[in-house]
Amino acid sequence: MHMEAGRSNSLGAVFALCAGRLLGNLAQFRHSRYGRKGDLMNWPLAVGIASFLGSVLLIVALWQRHVRRAEDRRVLEQLQECRAQGSDQPIAQHPQINPYLCLGCFSCVRACPEGNVLAVVQGRARLVRASRCVGYGYCQDACPVGALTVGLGDIRSRPDIPVLSSELETSVPGVFIAGELGGIALIRHAMQQGSQVVRIIGGRLGKRGTADGGQSPVDVLIVGCGPAGIAAALQAKYLGISYLVIDQSDLGGTVRKYPRNKLTMTQPIELPFIGRLTRTQYTKEELLGIWEGVVRKAGIEIRSRVELLGLDRRPDQTFVANTSQGPVCCRYVVLALGRRGTPRRLGVPGEESEHVLYQLVEAAGYTGNDILIVGGGDSAIEAGTALAVQPGNHVTLSYRRNAFFRIKQRNEERITRFLSEGRIRVLFNSQVKSIKPGSVIVEVGEADNAEEMVVTADYVFVLAGGEPPYPLLKKIGIRFHGEDKPEAQRVHTDQEKRT
């Protein structure tokens, strides 16, 4: 509908231009020798043409007004529906619109790759499905007057966003955050921040000495090996800064957990040792291949399956990072962790069974099975539709809410089609109660009218998001927005431990 409104505006402009030119020609005609007072035969024709054009312009104007009002009503109804679902609230970065500058030209609406995030209402752009926005920034680039910027907005009351300085340093001096953990979930943004914080650290490094106990510390400990961690390691290598990279999983971070061939959007970025990545879309395998290649080329060493457990500060202001494989002494720390952390568990009997999985890598490996997927986000729907097209599979999706509301447009369209074709069964308002070999007990319905049902399942995929590493950050002493009072730094010194 918004495209129709845009076309009607263009059509009206064309009619106005034609009318203006014709009226100008009539004025010239009046003063020409053919339009003199004595030549009355031509004036009825001229007046008739002018009346006809005026009527056409009036009809077009009324039609435009009708189309705009109908579109405004449709968008406002959609906005009310989104508010009822909670999808009108952004999750991370999103457009901030200056209504005094906005022209209502639909450029931002057309540029959005997710669809229905933005709409024009009463001549001004507005956020509608804010939770669907992933912050690519195409809308910002498309705005001809700079009325729209993409960012986190007012984060002063956001308890999920750590307090960071302009240099991305946390409330614990010497500890930096880069990437998704800071609130913006974009690959390009994460890699830019990873490089940025290491450049800042490089500028701060002075005379390097030996830490207490005779152990020479590394200049920077990089925790996490996703996009931000990879960029940080590349920058450290480029600057000749000593570093160590640890990750509780493996190279790639969250991207490695994507389903096979999942398309990932990014934007051009320049990186040391690799040059410029110019494409805007890569598959999971392409991105991992690029990162693996550059890590080999640059000689980056990564300690996989190593988890950060805590952080202590020594009297000489260096850190001792307590990891699952022993202590690491360092001068600075870059936390390049994702927000998902470890997979969210259900906490129900039978969850430890071997047929309960938390990641789908290759859908083609599952055929002729009854499969239950727990979750209702993009990961769950992508996995469900991928499994549903495999021969002989019967897929059921269990979701605790009464509708999908925080999913990308292409996933919404795909799951709607699969539901209409009967290729997936969805149990809304449902929760898993227990898991048994070959079946799952699921409670379906509202609390007062809930009923238990048995769902046949050879495999159970729990794709209900992850647990963010906030407890670890707070244990270290990192402050978050929305806290009433600044917490005392919890990075312990050796003297504090002795007392």
Protein backbone atom coordinates (compact mmCIF):
# COMPACT_ATOMS: atom_id res chain seq x y z
CA MET A 1 0.00 0.00 0.00
CA HIS A 2 2.83 2.44 0.78
CA MET A 3 4.17 1.90 -2.75
CA GLU A 4 0.74 2.86 -4.11
CA ALA A 5 0.78 5.99 -1.98
CA GLY A 6 4.22 6.84 -3.33
CA ARG A 7 3.05 6.32 -6.92
CA SER A 8 -0.01 8.52 -6.33
CA ASN A 9 2.25 11.31 -5.08
CA SER A 10 4.38 10.99 -8.22
CA LEU A 11 1.30 10.98 -10.45
CA GLY A 12 -0.04 14.08 -8.75
CA ALA A 13 3.27 15.83 -9.27
CA VAL A 14 3.20 14.96 -12.98
CA PHE A 15 -0.35 16.32 -13.34
CA ALA A 16 0.60 19.50 -11.47
CA LEU A 17 3.61 20.01 -13.73
CA CYS A 18 1.53 19.52 -16.88
CA ALA A 19 -1.17 21.86 -15.61
CA GLY A 20 1.36 24.50 -14.74
CA ARG A 21 2.89 24.36 -18.19
CA LEU A 22 -0.50 24.46 -19.90
CA LEU A 23 -1.68 27.44 -17.85
CA GLY A 24 1.54 29.19 -18.71
CA ASN A 25 0.89 28.51 -22.38
CA LEU A 26 -2.62 29.93 -21.99
CA ALA A 27 -1.20 33.09 -20.49
CA GLN A 28 1.14 33.44 -23.44
CA PHE A 29 -1.76 32.76 -25.76
CA ARG A 30 -3.76 35.61 -24.17
CA HIS A 31 -1.05 38.11 -25.03
CA SER A 32 -0.36 36.76 -28.50
CA ARG A 33 -1.98 37.97 -31.67
CA TYR A 34 -4.28 34.90 -31.55
CA GLY A 35 -5.58 35.80 -28.13
CA ARG A 36 -6.46 39.43 -28.75
CA LYS A 37 -9.73 40.78 -27.58
CA GLY A 38 -11.30 40.63 -30.96
CA ASP A 39 -10.59 36.94 -31.44
CA LEU A 40 -13.31 35.48 -29.21
CA MET A 41 -13.65 32.15 -31.00
CA ASN A 42 -10.62 30.62 -29.17
CA TRP A 43 -11.49 31.62 -25.59
CA PRO A 44 -14.27 29.05 -24.99
CA LEU A 45 -11.84 26.33 -25.98
CA ALA A 46 -9.14 27.70 -23.68
CA VAL A 47 -11.56 28.01 -20.76
CA GLY A 48 -12.83 24.48 -21.39
CA ILE A 49 -9.30 23.04 -21.34
CA ALA A 50 -8.48 24.91 -18.14
CA SER A 51 -11.70 23.67 -16.48
CA PHE A 52 -10.99 20.12 -17.55
CA LEU A 53 -7.45 20.25 -16.15
CA GLY A 54 -8.70 21.79 -12.92
CA SER A 55 -11.23 18.96 -12.53
CA VAL A 56 -8.54 16.35 -13.19
CA LEU A 57 -6.23 17.94 -10.63
CA LEU A 58 -9.03 18.03 -8.07
CA ILE A 59 -9.84 14.36 -8.66
CA VAL A 60 -6.17 13.39 -8.36
CA ALA A 61 -5.81 15.42 -5.16
CA LEU A 62 -8.90 13.78 -3.62
CA TRP A 63 -7.64 10.35 -4.68
CA GLN A 64 -4.24 11.04 -3.13
CA ARG A 65 -5.93 12.15 0.08
CA HIS A 66 -8.03 8.97 0.17
CA VAL A 67 -5.01 6.73 -0.46
CA ARG A 68 -2.95 8.46 2.24
CA ARG A 69 -5.74 8.22 4.80
CA ALA A 70 -6.36 4.55 4.02
CA GLU A 71 -2.64 3.83 4.33
CA ASP A 72 -2.45 5.78 7.61
CA ARG A 73 -5.35 3.75 9.02
CA ARG A 74 -3.73 0.49 7.94
CA VAL A 75 -0.37 1.40 9.51
CA LEU A 76 -1.97 2.61 12.75
CA GLU A 77 -3.90 -0.67 13.03
CA GLN A 78 -0.67 -2.56 12.42
CA LEU A 79 1.07 -0.47 15.07
CA GLN A 80 -1.66 -1.28 17.60
CA GLU A 81 -1.27 -4.97 16.82
CA CYS A 82 2.51 -4.71 17.28
CA ARG A 83 2.06 -2.95 20.61
CA ALA A 84 -0.22 -5.72 21.79
CA GLN A 85 2.43 -8.29 20.83
CA GLY A 86 5.34 -6.23 22.16
CA SER A 87 7.05 -6.13 18.76
CA ASP A 88 6.92 -2.33 18.59
CA GLN A 89 9.90 -2.14 20.96
CA PRO A 90 13.42 -2.38 19.51
CA ILE A 91 15.77 -5.11 20.70
CA ALA A 92 19.02 -3.45 19.73
CA GLN A 93 19.98 -0.72 17.26
CA HIS A 94 17.13 0.92 15.38
CA PRO A 95 16.25 4.09 13.44
CA GLN A 96 15.75 7.35 15.32
CA ILE A 97 13.66 9.75 13.26
CA ASN A 98 13.64 13.54 13.45
CA PRO A 99 10.02 14.43 12.54
CA TYR A 100 10.96 18.06 11.86
CA LEU A 101 13.32 17.04 9.06
CA CYS A 102 11.43 14.03 7.65
CA LEU A 103 9.88 14.62 4.21
CA GLY A 104 7.75 11.48 4.19
CA CYS A 105 9.33 10.47 0.87
CA PHE A 106 9.32 6.69 1.56
CA SER A 107 13.06 6.36 0.80
CA CYS A 108 13.78 4.73 4.16
CA VAL A 109 10.76 2.41 3.85
CA ARG A 110 11.88 1.15 0.45
CA ALA A 111 15.50 0.72 1.56
CA CYS A 112 14.72 -1.53 4.55
CA PRO A 113 15.61 -5.16 3.72
CA GLU A 114 13.45 -6.58 6.51
CA GLY A 115 10.14 -5.01 5.50
CA ASN A 116 7.43 -3.36 7.65
CA VAL A 117 9.96 -2.00 10.15
CA LEU A 118 9.22 1.54 8.98
CA ALA A 119 6.12 3.17 7.52
CA VAL A 120 5.00 6.69 6.62
CA VAL A 121 2.05 7.95 8.69
CA GLN A 122 0.58 11.43 8.21
CA GLY A 123 3.55 12.43 6.11
CA ARG A 124 6.25 11.32 8.56
CA ALA A 125 8.26 8.10 8.89
CA ARG A 126 7.56 6.01 11.99
CA LEU A 127 8.80 2.77 13.53
CA VAL A 128 6.21 0.00 13.37
CA ARG A 129 7.83 -3.43 13.82
CA ALA A 130 10.85 -2.14 15.71
CA SER A 131 11.83 -5.56 17.07
CA ARG A 132 12.43 -6.78 13.52
CA CYS A 133 15.12 -4.15 12.89
CA VAL A 134 18.69 -5.46 12.89
CA GLY A 135 20.30 -2.10 12.21
CA TYR A 136 21.81 -2.55 8.75
CA GLY A 137 21.64 1.23 8.29
CA TYR A 138 20.34 1.18 4.70
CA CYS A 139 17.47 3.47 5.75
CA GLN A 140 19.94 6.01 7.11
CA ASP A 141 21.92 5.96 3.87
CA ALA A 142 18.75 6.35 1.79
CA CYS A 143 17.36 9.39 3.64
CA PRO A 144 18.01 12.45 1.42
CA VAL A 145 17.88 15.01 4.26
CA GLY A 146 19.57 13.19 7.17
CA ALA A 147 16.35 12.91 9.16
CA LEU A 148 17.12 9.38 10.29
CA THR A 149 20.04 7.86 12.20
CA VAL A 150 20.53 4.26 13.35
CA GLY A 151 21.68 3.65 16.92
CA LEU A 152 20.64 2.44 20.35
CA GLY A 153 18.71 5.56 21.31
CA ASP A 154 18.35 6.43 24.98
CA ILE A 155 20.07 3.61 26.88
CA ARG A 156 20.19 5.23 30.33
CA SER A 157 17.58 2.83 31.66
CA ARG A 158 18.70 -0.29 29.74
CA PRO A 159 19.87 -2.88 32.29
CA ASP A 160 21.19 -5.09 29.47
CA ILE A 161 23.66 -2.52 28.13
CA PRO A 162 27.01 -2.06 29.94
CA VAL A 163 28.25 1.44 30.68
CA LEU A 164 31.02 2.27 28.21
CA SER A 165 33.19 5.30 27.62
CA SER A 166 33.69 6.87 24.21
CA GLU A 167 36.71 4.55 23.87
CA LEU A 168 34.55 1.48 24.66
CA GLU A 169 36.17 1.06 28.08
CA THR A 170 33.97 -0.35 30.84
CA SER A 171 33.65 0.92 34.39
CA VAL A 172 36.66 -1.31 35.18
CA PRO A 173 39.73 0.56 33.84
CA GLY A 174 41.65 -1.52 31.33
CA VAL A 175 38.68 -3.74 30.42
CA PHE A 176 37.06 -3.01 27.05
CA ILE A 177 33.96 -4.36 25.29
CA ALA A 178 33.71 -4.79 21.52
CA GLY A 179 30.85 -6.12 19.42
CA GLU A 180 27.40 -7.42 20.20
CA LEU A 181 27.82 -7.30 23.97
CA GLY A 182 27.79 -3.49 23.73
CA GLY A 183 24.29 -3.58 22.24
CA ILE A 184 24.74 -3.37 18.45
CA ALA A 185 24.51 -6.71 16.65
CA LEU A 186 26.17 -6.09 13.30
CA ILE A 187 29.16 -7.95 11.89
CA ARG A 188 30.67 -4.81 10.39
CA HIS A 189 30.18 -2.87 13.61
CA ALA A 190 31.71 -5.65 15.70
CA MET A 191 34.80 -5.85 13.50
CA GLN A 192 35.22 -2.07 13.50
CA GLN A 193 35.05 -1.99 17.30
CA GLY A 194 37.47 -4.90 17.64
CA SER A 195 40.06 -3.00 15.62
CA GLN A 196 39.29 0.28 17.38
CA VAL A 197 39.84 -0.92 20.95
CA VAL A 198 43.17 -2.55 20.11
CA ARG A 199 44.37 0.68 18.48
CA ILE A 200 43.42 2.49 21.68
CA ILE A 201 45.26 -0.08 23.77
CA GLY A 202 48.29 0.24 21.49
CA GLY A 203 48.34 3.97 22.14
CA ARG A 204 48.22 3.44 25.91
CA LEU A 205 50.96 0.84 26.16
CA GLY A 206 54.11 2.29 27.68
CA LYS A 207 57.24 0.61 28.92
CA ARG A 208 56.58 -3.09 29.26
CA GLY A 209 57.83 -4.73 32.39
CA THR A 210 57.41 -8.04 34.16
CA ALA A 211 54.38 -8.75 36.30
CA ASP A 212 54.51 -9.88 39.94
CA GLY A 213 55.88 -13.39 40.19
CA GLY A 214 58.23 -12.98 37.25
CA GLN A 215 55.66 -13.83 34.57
CA SER A 216 55.69 -11.49 31.58
CA PRO A 217 52.08 -10.52 30.81
CA VAL A 218 50.60 -10.39 27.34
CA ASP A 219 49.55 -6.91 26.30
CA VAL A 220 45.94 -7.85 25.63
CA LEU A 221 43.74 -10.83 26.37
CA ILE A 222 40.96 -11.15 23.78
CA VAL A 223 38.00 -13.13 25.07
CA GLY A 224 35.84 -14.40 22.22
CA CYS A 225 36.65 -15.29 18.64
CA GLY A 226 33.65 -14.01 16.72
CA PRO A 227 33.85 -11.03 14.36
CA ALA A 228 35.02 -8.57 17.05
CA GLY A 229 37.60 -10.96 18.47
CA ILE A 230 39.01 -11.81 15.03
CA ALA A 231 39.35 -8.12 14.14
CA ALA A 232 40.99 -7.38 17.50
CA ALA A 233 43.53 -10.18 17.01
CA LEU A 234 44.31 -9.01 13.46
CA GLN A 235 44.86 -5.46 14.68
CA ALA A 236 47.10 -6.63 17.52
CA LYS A 237 49.14 -8.69 15.08
CA TYR A 238 49.38 -5.72 12.72
CA LEU A 239 50.57 -3.37 15.50
CA GLY A 240 53.02 -5.88 16.95
CA ILE A 241 51.15 -6.08 20.27
CA SER A 242 51.42 -9.35 22.18
CA TYR A 243 48.02 -10.98 22.58
CA LEU A 244 46.16 -14.15 23.45
CA VAL A 245 42.76 -15.20 22.09
CA ILE A 246 40.53 -17.57 24.04
CA ASP A 247 37.03 -18.78 23.23
CA GLN A 248 34.72 -21.19 25.04
CA SER A 249 33.70 -22.56 21.63
CA ASP A 250 35.61 -22.12 18.37
CA LEU A 251 36.45 -19.63 15.63
CA GLY A 252 33.41 -17.76 14.34
CA GLY A 253 31.41 -17.30 17.53
CA THR A 254 27.67 -17.08 16.98
CA VAL A 255 28.06 -17.28 13.19
CA ARG A 256 29.40 -20.84 13.48
CA LYS A 257 26.13 -21.86 15.14
CA TYR A 258 24.02 -20.70 12.21
CA PRO A 259 22.33 -23.39 10.06
CA ARG A 260 24.21 -24.42 6.94
CA ASN A 261 24.00 -21.92 4.04
CA LYS A 262 22.28 -19.27 6.18
CA LEU A 263 22.64 -15.89 4.47
CA THR A 264 24.30 -13.20 6.55
CA MET A 265 24.15 -9.54 5.62
CA THR A 266 27.04 -7.20 6.28
CA GLN A 267 28.52 -4.05 4.79
CA PRO A 268 31.93 -3.31 3.24
CA ILE A 269 34.79 -3.15 5.75
CA GLU A 270 38.59 -2.84 5.61
CA LEU A 271 40.66 -5.26 7.69
CA PRO A 272 44.41 -5.77 8.22
CA PHE A 273 45.92 -8.70 6.25
CA ILE A 274 42.71 -9.22 4.28
CA GLY A 275 41.89 -5.88 2.67
CA ARG A 276 38.35 -4.82 1.89
CA LEU A 277 35.32 -7.08 2.10
CA THR A 278 33.10 -5.52 -0.55
CA ARG A 279 30.04 -7.77 -0.70
CA THR A 280 26.90 -7.15 1.34
CA GLN A 281 25.78 -10.76 1.64
CA TYR A 282 27.65 -13.95 2.53
CA THR A 283 26.62 -17.44 3.48
CA LYS A 284 27.75 -18.79 6.82
CA GLU A 285 30.28 -21.04 5.08
CA GLU A 286 31.71 -18.17 3.03
CA LEU A 287 32.25 -16.00 6.10
CA LEU A 288 33.85 -18.80 8.09
CA GLY A 289 36.05 -19.63 5.11
CA ILE A 290 37.24 -16.02 4.88
CA TRP A 291 37.97 -15.84 8.60
CA GLU A 292 39.74 -19.20 8.69
CA GLY A 293 41.86 -18.15 5.72
CA VAL A 294 42.91 -14.84 7.22
CA VAL A 295 43.67 -16.44 10.60
CA ARG A 296 46.00 -18.89 8.85
CA LYS A 297 47.56 -16.15 6.73
CA ALA A 298 48.19 -13.86 9.70
CA GLY A 299 49.31 -16.70 11.97
CA ILE A 300 46.69 -15.97 14.63
CA GLU A 301 46.71 -18.50 17.47
CA ILE A 302 43.42 -19.28 19.18
CA ARG A 303 42.90 -21.31 22.32
CA SER A 304 39.52 -22.96 21.81
CA ARG A 305 37.37 -24.52 24.55
CA VAL A 306 38.76 -22.10 27.13
CA GLU A 307 36.24 -20.23 29.29
CA LEU A 308 36.84 -17.02 31.25
CA LEU A 309 35.78 -17.54 34.88
CA GLY A 310 36.88 -14.31 36.56
CA LEU A 311 39.34 -11.43 36.61
CA ASP A 312 41.70 -10.25 39.37
CA ARG A 313 43.84 -7.12 39.43
CA ARG A 314 47.40 -7.23 40.78
CA PRO A 315 49.07 -4.35 42.69
CA ASP A 316 51.05 -3.43 39.55
CA GLN A 317 47.66 -2.88 37.79
CA THR A 318 48.01 -5.90 35.51
CA PHE A 319 45.27 -8.52 35.44
CA VAL A 320 45.15 -12.22 36.15
CA ALA A 321 42.37 -13.82 34.15
CA ASN A 322 41.10 -17.02 35.72
CA THR A 323 40.20 -19.45 32.94
CA SER A 324 39.08 -23.04 32.73
CA GLN A 325 42.65 -23.94 31.76
CA GLY A 326 44.53 -21.91 34.32
CA PRO A 327 45.49 -18.26 34.96
CA VAL A 328 46.55 -15.80 32.25
CA CYS A 329 48.45 -12.60 33.09
CA CYS A 330 47.65 -9.58 30.89
CA ARG A 331 47.75 -5.78 30.82
CA TYR A 332 44.40 -5.18 29.10
CA VAL A 333 41.29 -7.23 28.42
CA VAL A 334 38.95 -7.07 25.41
CA LEU A 335 35.61 -8.77 25.99
CA ALA A 336 34.46 -9.71 22.48
CA LEU A 337 31.67 -11.98 23.72
CA GLY A 338 28.27 -12.33 22.10
CA ARG A 339 25.03 -11.66 23.94
CA ARG A 340 23.72 -15.20 23.57
CA GLY A 341 26.34 -16.84 25.78
CA THR A 342 25.53 -20.47 26.46
CA PRO A 343 22.33 -22.05 25.08
CA ARG A 344 19.25 -21.53 27.24
CA ARG A 345 18.15 -24.78 28.82
CA LEU A 346 14.60 -25.87 29.63
CA GLY A 347 15.31 -27.29 33.07
CA VAL A 348 12.94 -30.24 32.65
CA PRO A 349 13.38 -33.97 33.30
CA GLY A 350 15.02 -35.83 30.45
CA GLU A 351 16.81 -32.83 29.01
CA GLU A 352 20.18 -34.56 29.38
CA SER A 353 19.18 -37.22 26.84
CA GLU A 354 21.38 -37.67 23.78
CA HIS A 355 18.53 -36.90 21.39
CA VAL A 356 18.14 -33.37 22.86
CA LEU A 357 20.22 -30.90 20.84
CA TYR A 358 20.86 -27.15 21.01
CA GLN A 359 22.11 -26.50 17.51
CA LEU A 360 21.20 -27.58 13.97
CA VAL A 361 24.17 -27.63 11.62
CA GLU A 362 23.05 -29.86 8.73
CA ALA A 363 19.32 -30.42 8.19
CA ALA A 364 19.97 -33.01 5.47
CA GLY A 365 21.32 -35.37 8.13
CA TYR A 366 17.82 -35.83 9.56
CA THR A 367 15.32 -37.76 7.42
CA GLY A 368 12.32 -39.91 8.25
CA ASN A 369 12.07 -38.54 11.81
CA ASP A 370 9.52 -36.99 14.14
CA ILE A 371 11.14 -33.77 15.34
CA LEU A 372 10.14 -31.26 18.02
CA ILE A 373 11.64 -27.77 17.96
CA VAL A 374 11.34 -25.61 21.07
CA GLY A 375 11.43 -21.86 20.40
CA GLY A 376 9.79 -19.21 18.24
CA GLY A 377 12.60 -16.95 17.06
CA ASP A 378 14.43 -16.80 13.75
CA SER A 379 16.74 -19.70 14.62
CA ALA A 380 13.83 -21.99 15.51
CA ILE A 381 11.85 -21.13 12.38
CA GLU A 382 14.87 -21.46 10.09
CA ALA A 383 15.66 -24.85 11.58
CA GLY A 384 12.03 -25.97 11.45
CA THR A 385 11.51 -25.08 7.80
CA ALA A 386 14.87 -26.61 6.85
CA LEU A 387 13.97 -29.89 8.58
CA ALA A 388 10.43 -29.91 7.20
CA VAL A 389 11.64 -30.14 3.59
CA GLN A 390 13.75 -33.23 4.30
CA PRO A 391 12.15 -36.53 3.16
CA GLY A 392 9.92 -38.23 5.70
CA ASN A 393 10.24 -35.66 8.50
CA HIS A 394 7.28 -34.57 10.63
CA VAL A 395 8.10 -31.31 12.40
CA THR A 396 6.30 -29.79 15.39
CA LEU A 397 7.26 -26.40 16.83
CA SER A 398 6.48 -25.52 20.46
CA TYR A 399 6.39 -21.82 21.35
CA ARG A 400 5.45 -20.30 24.68
CA ARG A 401 3.75 -17.21 23.20
CA ASN A 402 0.49 -16.97 21.28
CA ALA A 403 2.08 -15.71 18.05
CA PHE A 404 5.42 -15.11 16.35
CA PHE A 405 6.43 -11.49 16.73
CA ARG A 406 10.20 -11.01 16.66
CA ILE A 407 11.15 -12.68 13.41
CA LYS A 408 12.46 -11.44 10.08
CA GLN A 409 10.00 -10.86 7.27
CA ARG A 410 11.32 -13.68 5.10
CA ASN A 411 10.97 -16.11 8.02
CA GLU A 412 7.44 -14.90 8.73
CA GLU A 413 6.46 -15.44 5.11
CA ARG A 414 8.11 -18.87 5.03
CA ILE A 415 6.54 -20.20 8.24
CA THR A 416 3.13 -18.87 7.17
CA ARG A 417 3.42 -20.77 3.90
CA PHE A 418 4.56 -23.97 5.63
CA LEU A 419 1.64 -23.75 8.06
CA SER A 420 -0.89 -23.26 5.27
CA GLU A 421 0.59 -26.24 3.41
CA GLY A 422 0.53 -28.43 6.53
CA ARG A 423 4.28 -29.02 6.45
CA ILE A 424 4.80 -27.83 10.05
CA ARG A 425 2.58 -28.03 13.11
CA VAL A 426 2.88 -25.18 15.63
CA LEU A 427 1.77 -25.39 19.27
CA PHE A 428 1.38 -21.84 20.55
CA ASN A 429 1.06 -21.15 24.30
CA SER A 430 2.94 -24.36 25.01
CA GLN A 431 5.75 -25.46 27.32
CA VAL A 432 7.75 -28.65 27.52
CA LYS A 433 7.20 -30.44 30.83
CA SER A 434 9.36 -33.55 30.38
CA ILE A 435 11.33 -35.42 27.73
CA LYS A 436 11.27 -39.18 27.28
CA PRO A 437 12.80 -41.52 24.69
CA GLY A 438 10.67 -41.06 21.57
CA SER A 439 8.18 -38.59 23.07
CA VAL A 440 7.78 -35.26 24.87
CA ILE A 441 5.09 -34.14 27.33
CA VAL A 442 3.96 -30.64 26.34
CA GLU A 443 1.53 -28.44 28.25
CA VAL A 444 -0.65 -26.46 25.82
CA GLY A 445 -2.96 -23.55 26.62
CA GLU A 446 -3.34 -20.80 29.18
CA ALA A 447 -2.66 -21.55 32.83
CA ASP A 448 -6.29 -22.16 33.81
CA ASN A 449 -7.14 -24.24 30.73
CA ALA A 450 -3.82 -25.91 30.03
CA GLU A 451 -3.79 -29.53 28.94
CA GLU A 452 -0.94 -31.96 28.59
CA MET A 453 -0.36 -33.74 25.31
CA VAL A 454 2.20 -36.25 24.09
CA VAL A 455 4.29 -35.23 21.08
CA THR A 456 6.18 -37.97 19.28
CA ALA A 457 9.80 -36.93 18.86
CA ASP A 458 12.89 -38.83 17.77
CA TYR A 459 14.88 -35.60 18.19
CA VAL A 460 14.30 -32.44 20.23
CA PHE A 461 15.99 -29.19 19.20
CA VAL A 462 15.99 -26.54 21.92
CA LEU A 463 16.48 -23.25 20.06
CA ALA A 464 15.21 -20.82 22.66
CA GLY A 465 18.10 -18.36 22.61
CA GLY A 466 21.04 -18.14 24.96
CA GLU A 467 21.92 -16.94 28.43
CA PRO A 468 23.86 -13.66 28.16
CA PRO A 469 27.13 -13.52 30.15
CA TYR A 470 25.84 -10.74 32.42
CA PRO A 471 26.62 -12.57 35.70
CA LEU A 472 30.29 -12.85 34.69
CA LEU A 473 30.46 -9.16 33.78
CA LYS A 474 28.86 -8.11 37.05
CA LYS A 475 31.18 -10.42 38.95
CA ILE A 476 34.11 -8.62 37.33
CA GLY A 477 32.59 -5.30 38.42
CA ILE A 478 31.27 -3.93 35.13
CA ARG A 479 28.39 -1.54 35.60
CA PHE A 480 25.21 -1.59 33.52
CA HIS A 481 22.82 1.21 32.65
CA GLY A 482 19.75 1.49 34.81
CA GLU A 483 21.60 0.76 38.07
CA ASP A 484 20.56 3.13 40.84
CA LYS A 485 24.04 3.50 42.28
CA PRO A 486 27.45 2.73 40.84
CA GLU A 487 28.66 -0.58 42.19
CA ALA A 488 32.10 -0.85 43.67
CA GLN A 489 34.60 -2.40 41.34
CA ARG A 490 34.79 -6.11 41.97
CA VAL A 491 38.10 -6.81 40.30
CA HIS A 492 39.96 -8.08 43.33
CA THR A 493 43.54 -7.29 44.25
CA ASP A 494 45.90 -9.77 45.85
CA GLN A 495 45.78 -7.75 49.09
CA GLU A 496 41.97 -7.92 49.20
CA LYS A 497 42.17 -11.69 48.77
CA ARG A 498 44.59 -12.03 51.68
CA THR A 499 42.30 -10.04 53.94
